[in-house]
């Protein structure tokens, strides 16, 4: 009897399963279930594993697509800002060139004097015209 117990135990440890007929003593302590119930338990666990794997793959795919979208948007924003910086640099260069040319052609004081003379001539002309109209040309 003890020999059979040890033989059954060695079989149980070696194969992780022991075949027992109805009415026989089990060589271990525990719960015995039918083959159909074992298949159901194992398949449910396997199904849960597949569902979990699918959910993880879906989540991974979502994260990859989200990363690609954000990367593309960042690249587009960087490109746009780069073009804006280039435009502003060329505008500054053109403005500096315009200022340099303007300073060489006519000095600031010459512009002031010309503006003052033009303003004076226009003011005198307006006064003369209004005086002529008011006095009736006398």
N, C-alpha and C. Protein backbone atom coordinates (compact mmCIF):
# COMPACT_ATOMS: atom_id res chain seq x y z
N UNK A 1 0.81 -1.19 0.00
CA UNK A 1 0.00 0.00 0.00
C UNK A 1 0.87 1.27 0.00
N UNK A 2 1.85 1.30 0.88
CA UNK A 2 2.74 2.47 0.92
C UNK A 2 3.54 2.54 -0.37
N UNK A 3 3.91 1.38 -0.89
CA UNK A 3 4.64 1.36 -2.16
C UNK A 3 3.79 1.99 -3.27
N UNK A 4 2.51 1.65 -3.32
CA UNK A 4 1.60 2.20 -4.31
C UNK A 4 1.46 3.71 -4.11
N UNK A 5 1.44 4.14 -2.86
CA UNK A 5 1.35 5.57 -2.56
C UNK A 5 2.57 6.31 -3.11
N UNK A 6 3.76 5.77 -2.86
CA UNK A 6 4.98 6.39 -3.36
C UNK A 6 5.07 6.33 -4.88
N UNK A 7 4.61 5.23 -5.45
CA UNK A 7 4.62 5.13 -6.91
C UNK A 7 3.68 6.17 -7.51
N UNK A 8 2.51 6.31 -6.92
CA UNK A 8 1.57 7.32 -7.40
C UNK A 8 2.10 8.73 -7.20
N UNK A 9 2.78 8.96 -6.07
CA UNK A 9 3.35 10.26 -5.80
C UNK A 9 4.45 10.59 -6.80
N UNK A 10 5.29 9.61 -7.10
CA UNK A 10 6.36 9.86 -8.07
C UNK A 10 5.77 10.13 -9.45
N UNK A 11 4.71 9.41 -9.79
CA UNK A 11 4.04 9.69 -11.06
C UNK A 11 3.43 11.09 -11.05
N UNK A 12 2.86 11.47 -9.94
CA UNK A 12 2.23 12.79 -9.84
C UNK A 12 3.27 13.89 -9.98
N UNK A 13 4.41 13.73 -9.38
CA UNK A 13 5.44 14.75 -9.45
C UNK A 13 6.13 14.77 -10.81
N UNK A 14 6.25 13.60 -11.44
CA UNK A 14 6.95 13.51 -12.71
C UNK A 14 6.11 14.09 -13.85
N UNK A 15 4.82 13.76 -13.88
CA UNK A 15 3.98 14.16 -15.00
C UNK A 15 3.04 15.32 -14.67
N UNK A 16 3.00 15.71 -13.44
CA UNK A 16 2.06 16.71 -12.96
C UNK A 16 0.61 16.29 -13.17
N UNK A 17 0.39 15.01 -13.38
CA UNK A 17 -0.99 14.49 -13.47
C UNK A 17 -0.98 13.00 -13.11
N UNK A 18 -2.06 12.57 -12.52
CA UNK A 18 -2.20 11.16 -12.11
C UNK A 18 -3.55 10.68 -12.59
N UNK A 19 -3.56 9.53 -13.22
CA UNK A 19 -4.82 8.95 -13.68
C UNK A 19 -5.37 8.04 -12.57
N UNK A 20 -6.60 8.29 -12.16
CA UNK A 20 -7.22 7.51 -11.09
C UNK A 20 -8.57 7.02 -11.58
N UNK A 21 -8.86 5.81 -11.27
CA UNK A 21 -10.17 5.24 -11.60
C UNK A 21 -11.13 5.51 -10.46
N UNK A 22 -12.40 5.45 -10.75
CA UNK A 22 -13.42 5.71 -9.74
C UNK A 22 -13.32 4.65 -8.65
N UNK A 23 -13.30 5.13 -7.42
CA UNK A 23 -13.24 4.23 -6.28
C UNK A 23 -11.83 4.03 -5.74
N UNK A 24 -10.80 4.39 -6.46
CA UNK A 24 -9.43 4.26 -5.98
C UNK A 24 -9.10 5.38 -5.02
N UNK A 25 -8.10 5.12 -4.15
CA UNK A 25 -7.62 6.16 -3.25
C UNK A 25 -6.63 7.03 -4.01
N UNK A 26 -6.69 8.30 -3.74
CA UNK A 26 -5.76 9.22 -4.39
C UNK A 26 -4.45 9.25 -3.60
N UNK A 27 -3.31 9.28 -4.30
CA UNK A 27 -2.03 9.29 -3.61
C UNK A 27 -1.60 10.69 -3.16
N UNK A 28 -2.57 11.59 -3.03
CA UNK A 28 -2.26 12.96 -2.62
C UNK A 28 -3.50 13.57 -2.00
N UNK A 29 -3.30 14.72 -1.29
CA UNK A 29 -4.42 15.44 -0.71
C UNK A 29 -4.81 16.55 -1.69
N UNK A 30 -6.06 16.79 -1.88
CA UNK A 30 -6.49 17.84 -2.79
C UNK A 30 -7.87 17.58 -3.32
N UNK A 31 -8.19 18.21 -4.43
CA UNK A 31 -9.52 18.13 -5.04
C UNK A 31 -9.37 17.49 -6.41
N UNK A 32 -10.22 16.56 -6.69
CA UNK A 32 -10.24 15.93 -8.01
C UNK A 32 -11.40 16.52 -8.80
N UNK A 33 -11.14 16.81 -10.05
CA UNK A 33 -12.19 17.31 -10.92
C UNK A 33 -12.23 16.47 -12.18
N UNK A 34 -13.33 16.54 -12.88
CA UNK A 34 -13.46 15.75 -14.10
C UNK A 34 -12.62 16.37 -15.22
N UNK A 35 -12.37 15.58 -16.23
CA UNK A 35 -11.58 16.04 -17.38
C UNK A 35 -12.29 17.22 -18.06
N UNK A 36 -13.61 17.14 -18.19
CA UNK A 36 -14.36 18.22 -18.83
C UNK A 36 -14.24 19.53 -18.06
N UNK A 37 -14.31 19.43 -16.71
CA UNK A 37 -14.20 20.62 -15.88
C UNK A 37 -12.78 21.19 -15.98
N UNK A 38 -11.76 20.35 -16.02
CA UNK A 38 -10.38 20.80 -16.16
C UNK A 38 -10.19 21.52 -17.48
N UNK A 39 -10.76 20.94 -18.56
CA UNK A 39 -10.68 21.58 -19.87
C UNK A 39 -11.36 22.94 -19.84
N UNK A 40 -12.54 23.01 -19.19
CA UNK A 40 -13.26 24.28 -19.09
C UNK A 40 -12.45 25.32 -18.32
N UNK A 41 -11.86 24.92 -17.21
CA UNK A 41 -11.06 25.85 -16.40
C UNK A 41 -9.84 26.33 -17.18
N UNK A 42 -9.15 25.38 -17.80
CA UNK A 42 -7.94 25.74 -18.56
C UNK A 42 -8.28 26.60 -19.77
N UNK A 43 -9.38 26.28 -20.47
CA UNK A 43 -9.73 27.06 -21.65
C UNK A 43 -10.20 28.47 -21.26
N UNK A 44 -10.88 28.60 -20.12
CA UNK A 44 -11.30 29.92 -19.65
C UNK A 44 -10.07 30.76 -19.33
N UNK A 45 -9.10 30.16 -18.67
CA UNK A 45 -7.86 30.87 -18.37
C UNK A 45 -7.13 31.25 -19.64
N UNK A 46 -7.12 30.34 -20.60
CA UNK A 46 -6.46 30.62 -21.88
C UNK A 46 -7.20 31.73 -22.63
N UNK A 47 -8.53 31.68 -22.59
CA UNK A 47 -9.33 32.72 -23.24
C UNK A 47 -9.06 34.08 -22.60
N UNK A 48 -8.99 34.11 -21.27
CA UNK A 48 -8.67 35.37 -20.57
C UNK A 48 -7.29 35.86 -20.98
N UNK A 49 -6.35 34.93 -21.13
CA UNK A 49 -5.00 35.30 -21.56
C UNK A 49 -5.02 35.89 -22.95
N UNK A 50 -5.81 35.30 -23.86
CA UNK A 50 -5.91 35.81 -25.22
C UNK A 50 -6.55 37.20 -25.25
N UNK A 51 -7.62 37.37 -24.44
CA UNK A 51 -8.29 38.67 -24.38
C UNK A 51 -7.33 39.72 -23.83
N UNK A 52 -6.61 39.38 -22.77
CA UNK A 52 -5.64 40.31 -22.19
C UNK A 52 -4.56 40.65 -23.20
N UNK A 53 -4.07 39.65 -23.92
CA UNK A 53 -3.04 39.88 -24.94
C UNK A 53 -3.58 40.80 -26.03
N UNK A 54 -4.81 40.56 -26.48
CA UNK A 54 -5.42 41.39 -27.51
C UNK A 54 -5.58 42.84 -27.01
N UNK A 55 -6.03 42.99 -25.76
CA UNK A 55 -6.18 44.34 -25.19
C UNK A 55 -4.84 45.06 -25.12
N UNK A 56 -3.80 44.34 -24.73
CA UNK A 56 -2.48 44.95 -24.65
C UNK A 56 -1.97 45.33 -26.04
N UNK A 57 -2.20 44.47 -27.02
CA UNK A 57 -1.77 44.78 -28.39
C UNK A 57 -2.53 46.00 -28.92
N UNK A 58 -3.83 46.07 -28.64
CA UNK A 58 -4.63 47.21 -29.07
C UNK A 58 -4.14 48.50 -28.41
N UNK A 59 -3.86 48.42 -27.11
CA UNK A 59 -3.36 49.59 -26.40
C UNK A 59 -1.99 50.01 -26.94
N UNK A 60 -1.14 49.05 -27.25
CA UNK A 60 0.18 49.35 -27.81
C UNK A 60 0.02 50.04 -29.17
N UNK A 61 -0.88 49.51 -30.01
CA UNK A 61 -1.12 50.11 -31.33
C UNK A 61 -1.64 51.54 -31.19
N UNK A 62 -2.54 51.76 -30.25
CA UNK A 62 -3.07 53.10 -30.00
C UNK A 62 -1.95 54.06 -29.59
N UNK A 63 -1.09 53.61 -28.68
CA UNK A 63 0.02 54.45 -28.22
C UNK A 63 0.98 54.76 -29.36
N UNK A 64 1.26 53.78 -30.21
CA UNK A 64 2.15 54.02 -31.35
C UNK A 64 1.55 55.04 -32.32
N UNK A 65 0.25 54.91 -32.61
CA UNK A 65 -0.41 55.86 -33.51
C UNK A 65 -0.46 57.26 -32.89
N UNK A 66 -0.72 57.33 -31.60
CA UNK A 66 -0.75 58.61 -30.90
C UNK A 66 0.63 59.26 -30.94
N UNK A 67 1.67 58.47 -30.72
CA UNK A 67 3.04 58.99 -30.79
C UNK A 67 3.36 59.51 -32.18
N UNK A 68 2.96 58.75 -33.22
CA UNK A 68 3.23 59.17 -34.60
C UNK A 68 2.51 60.47 -34.91
N UNK A 69 1.24 60.57 -34.50
CA UNK A 69 0.47 61.79 -34.73
C UNK A 69 1.13 62.99 -34.05
N UNK A 70 1.50 62.83 -32.79
CA UNK A 70 2.12 63.93 -32.06
C UNK A 70 3.47 64.31 -32.66
N UNK A 71 4.21 63.31 -33.13
CA UNK A 71 5.50 63.57 -33.76
C UNK A 71 5.30 64.35 -35.06
N UNK A 72 4.31 63.92 -35.86
CA UNK A 72 4.03 64.61 -37.12
C UNK A 72 3.59 66.05 -36.87
N UNK A 73 2.72 66.25 -35.86
CA UNK A 73 2.27 67.61 -35.54
C UNK A 73 3.43 68.48 -35.06
N UNK A 74 4.30 67.90 -34.24
CA UNK A 74 5.46 68.65 -33.75
C UNK A 74 6.39 69.01 -34.90
N UNK A 75 6.60 68.06 -35.81
CA UNK A 75 7.46 68.33 -36.97
C UNK A 75 6.88 69.46 -37.83
N UNK A 76 5.56 69.44 -38.03
CA UNK A 76 4.91 70.48 -38.83
C UNK A 76 5.03 71.84 -38.13
N UNK A 77 4.85 71.85 -36.82
CA UNK A 77 4.95 73.11 -36.08
C UNK A 77 6.38 73.64 -36.13
N UNK A 78 7.35 72.77 -35.98
CA UNK A 78 8.76 73.18 -36.04
C UNK A 78 9.08 73.72 -37.43
N UNK A 79 8.58 73.06 -38.46
CA UNK A 79 8.81 73.51 -39.83
C UNK A 79 8.21 74.90 -40.05
N UNK A 80 6.99 75.09 -39.59
CA UNK A 80 6.33 76.40 -39.73
C UNK A 80 7.08 77.50 -38.99
N UNK A 81 7.52 77.20 -37.77
CA UNK A 81 8.26 78.19 -37.00
C UNK A 81 9.61 78.48 -37.64
N UNK A 82 10.23 77.46 -38.21
CA UNK A 82 11.51 77.65 -38.89
C UNK A 82 11.35 78.59 -40.09
N UNK A 83 10.27 78.40 -40.86
CA UNK A 83 10.01 79.27 -42.01
C UNK A 83 9.73 80.70 -41.54
N UNK A 84 9.02 80.84 -40.43
CA UNK A 84 8.72 82.17 -39.90
C UNK A 84 10.00 82.88 -39.46
N UNK A 85 10.90 82.14 -38.82
CA UNK A 85 12.18 82.72 -38.40
C UNK A 85 12.98 83.16 -39.63
N UNK A 86 13.01 82.32 -40.66
CA UNK A 86 13.72 82.69 -41.90
C UNK A 86 13.14 83.96 -42.51
N UNK A 87 11.81 84.05 -42.55
CA UNK A 87 11.15 85.23 -43.11
C UNK A 87 11.51 86.48 -42.30
N UNK A 88 11.45 86.37 -40.98
CA UNK A 88 11.75 87.53 -40.13
C UNK A 88 13.22 87.95 -40.27
N UNK A 89 14.11 86.98 -40.38
CA UNK A 89 15.53 87.32 -40.57
C UNK A 89 15.74 88.06 -41.90
N UNK A 90 15.08 87.60 -42.96
CA UNK A 90 15.22 88.30 -44.25
C UNK A 90 14.58 89.68 -44.20
N UNK A 91 13.47 89.84 -43.47
CA UNK A 91 12.83 91.15 -43.33
C UNK A 91 13.75 92.11 -42.57
N UNK A 92 14.39 91.61 -41.53
CA UNK A 92 15.32 92.44 -40.77
C UNK A 92 16.49 92.86 -41.65
N UNK A 93 17.01 91.92 -42.44
CA UNK A 93 18.13 92.24 -43.34
C UNK A 93 17.72 93.30 -44.36
N UNK A 94 16.50 93.16 -44.94
CA UNK A 94 16.02 94.16 -45.90
C UNK A 94 15.85 95.52 -45.24
N UNK A 95 15.33 95.55 -44.02
CA UNK A 95 15.13 96.80 -43.29
C UNK A 95 16.47 97.47 -43.01
N UNK A 96 17.46 96.68 -42.59
CA UNK A 96 18.79 97.24 -42.33
C UNK A 96 19.40 97.81 -43.61
N UNK A 97 19.22 97.11 -44.72
CA UNK A 97 19.73 97.59 -46.00
C UNK A 97 19.04 98.90 -46.40
N UNK A 98 17.73 98.97 -46.21
CA UNK A 98 16.97 100.17 -46.52
C UNK A 98 17.46 101.35 -45.68
N UNK A 99 17.68 101.11 -44.41
CA UNK A 99 18.15 102.17 -43.52
C UNK A 99 19.54 102.64 -43.93
N UNK A 100 20.42 101.71 -44.26
CA UNK A 100 21.77 102.08 -44.68
C UNK A 100 21.74 102.93 -45.96
N UNK A 101 20.91 102.50 -46.93
CA UNK A 101 20.81 103.26 -48.19
C UNK A 101 20.20 104.63 -47.93
N UNK A 102 19.20 104.73 -47.09
CA UNK A 102 18.54 105.98 -46.79
C UNK A 102 19.49 106.95 -46.10
N UNK A 103 20.32 106.46 -45.23
CA UNK A 103 21.27 107.32 -44.54
C UNK A 103 22.34 107.86 -45.49
N UNK A 104 22.69 107.06 -46.49
CA UNK A 104 23.73 107.50 -47.43
C UNK A 104 23.20 108.55 -48.41
N UNK A 105 21.97 108.40 -48.90
CA UNK A 105 21.44 109.30 -49.93
C UNK A 105 21.12 110.68 -49.36
N UNK A 106 20.31 110.69 -48.34
CA UNK A 106 19.89 111.98 -47.77
C UNK A 106 20.04 111.85 -46.26
N UNK A 107 20.67 112.83 -45.66
CA UNK A 107 20.85 112.81 -44.21
C UNK A 107 19.54 113.12 -43.51
N UNK A 108 19.48 112.84 -42.23
CA UNK A 108 18.26 113.10 -41.46
C UNK A 108 17.98 114.61 -41.38
N UNK A 109 19.01 115.41 -41.25
CA UNK A 109 18.79 116.86 -41.16
C UNK A 109 18.26 117.42 -42.48
N UNK A 110 18.73 116.86 -43.61
CA UNK A 110 18.23 117.33 -44.91
C UNK A 110 16.75 117.02 -45.05
N UNK A 111 16.33 115.87 -44.58
CA UNK A 111 14.90 115.51 -44.60
C UNK A 111 14.10 116.47 -43.74
N UNK A 112 14.63 116.83 -42.59
CA UNK A 112 13.94 117.76 -41.70
C UNK A 112 13.77 119.13 -42.35
N UNK A 113 14.84 119.64 -42.94
CA UNK A 113 14.80 120.96 -43.58
C UNK A 113 13.83 120.96 -44.75
N UNK A 114 13.86 119.92 -45.56
CA UNK A 114 12.95 119.84 -46.71
C UNK A 114 11.51 119.78 -46.25
N UNK A 115 11.23 119.05 -45.21
CA UNK A 115 9.87 118.98 -44.66
C UNK A 115 9.42 120.30 -44.11
N UNK A 116 10.32 121.00 -43.43
CA UNK A 116 9.98 122.30 -42.88
C UNK A 116 9.67 123.31 -43.99
N UNK A 117 10.49 123.34 -45.03
CA UNK A 117 10.26 124.26 -46.15
C UNK A 117 8.95 123.94 -46.87
N UNK A 118 8.70 122.66 -47.11
CA UNK A 118 7.46 122.27 -47.80
C UNK A 118 6.25 122.65 -46.97
N UNK A 119 6.32 122.42 -45.68
CA UNK A 119 5.21 122.77 -44.80
C UNK A 119 4.97 124.27 -44.77
N UNK A 120 6.05 125.03 -44.75
CA UNK A 120 5.93 126.50 -44.74
C UNK A 120 5.30 127.00 -46.03
N UNK A 121 5.76 126.50 -47.16
CA UNK A 121 5.21 126.93 -48.46
C UNK A 121 3.73 126.59 -48.54
N UNK A 122 3.35 125.41 -48.11
CA UNK A 122 1.93 125.01 -48.16
C UNK A 122 1.10 125.91 -47.24
N UNK A 123 1.61 126.19 -46.04
CA UNK A 123 0.87 127.05 -45.10
C UNK A 123 0.68 128.46 -45.67
N UNK A 124 1.72 129.03 -46.25
CA UNK A 124 1.62 130.37 -46.85
C UNK A 124 0.63 130.36 -48.01
N UNK A 125 0.66 129.29 -48.81
CA UNK A 125 -0.28 129.18 -49.93
C UNK A 125 -1.71 129.11 -49.46
N UNK A 126 -1.97 128.37 -48.41
CA UNK A 126 -3.32 128.24 -47.86
C UNK A 126 -3.77 129.58 -47.29
N UNK A 127 -2.92 130.27 -46.58
CA UNK A 127 -3.28 131.57 -46.03
C UNK A 127 -3.59 132.58 -47.14
N UNK A 128 -2.78 132.60 -48.15
CA UNK A 128 -2.99 133.52 -49.27
C UNK A 128 -4.31 133.23 -49.98
N UNK A 129 -4.60 131.90 -50.20
CA UNK A 129 -5.84 131.53 -50.88
C UNK A 129 -7.05 131.89 -50.04
N UNK A 130 -6.99 131.63 -48.75
CA UNK A 130 -8.15 131.95 -47.90
C UNK A 130 -8.33 133.47 -47.77
N UNK A 131 -7.26 134.21 -47.74
CA UNK A 131 -7.34 135.66 -47.70
C UNK A 131 -7.97 136.19 -48.96
N UNK A 132 -7.61 135.62 -50.10
CA UNK A 132 -8.15 136.04 -51.39
C UNK A 132 -9.64 135.76 -51.44
N UNK A 133 -10.06 134.65 -50.94
CA UNK A 133 -11.48 134.27 -50.97
C UNK A 133 -12.26 135.18 -50.02
N UNK A 134 -11.75 135.47 -48.87
CA UNK A 134 -12.46 136.27 -47.89
C UNK A 134 -12.57 137.74 -48.30
N UNK A 135 -11.55 138.25 -48.90
CA UNK A 135 -11.58 139.67 -49.30
C UNK A 135 -12.20 139.85 -50.67
N UNK A 136 -12.48 138.82 -51.35
CA UNK A 136 -13.13 138.89 -52.65
C UNK A 136 -12.13 139.22 -53.74
N UNK A 137 -10.89 138.99 -53.56
CA UNK A 137 -9.88 139.19 -54.60
C UNK A 137 -9.31 140.58 -54.61
N UNK A 138 -9.54 141.40 -53.65
CA UNK A 138 -9.05 142.79 -53.66
C UNK A 138 -7.61 142.88 -53.38
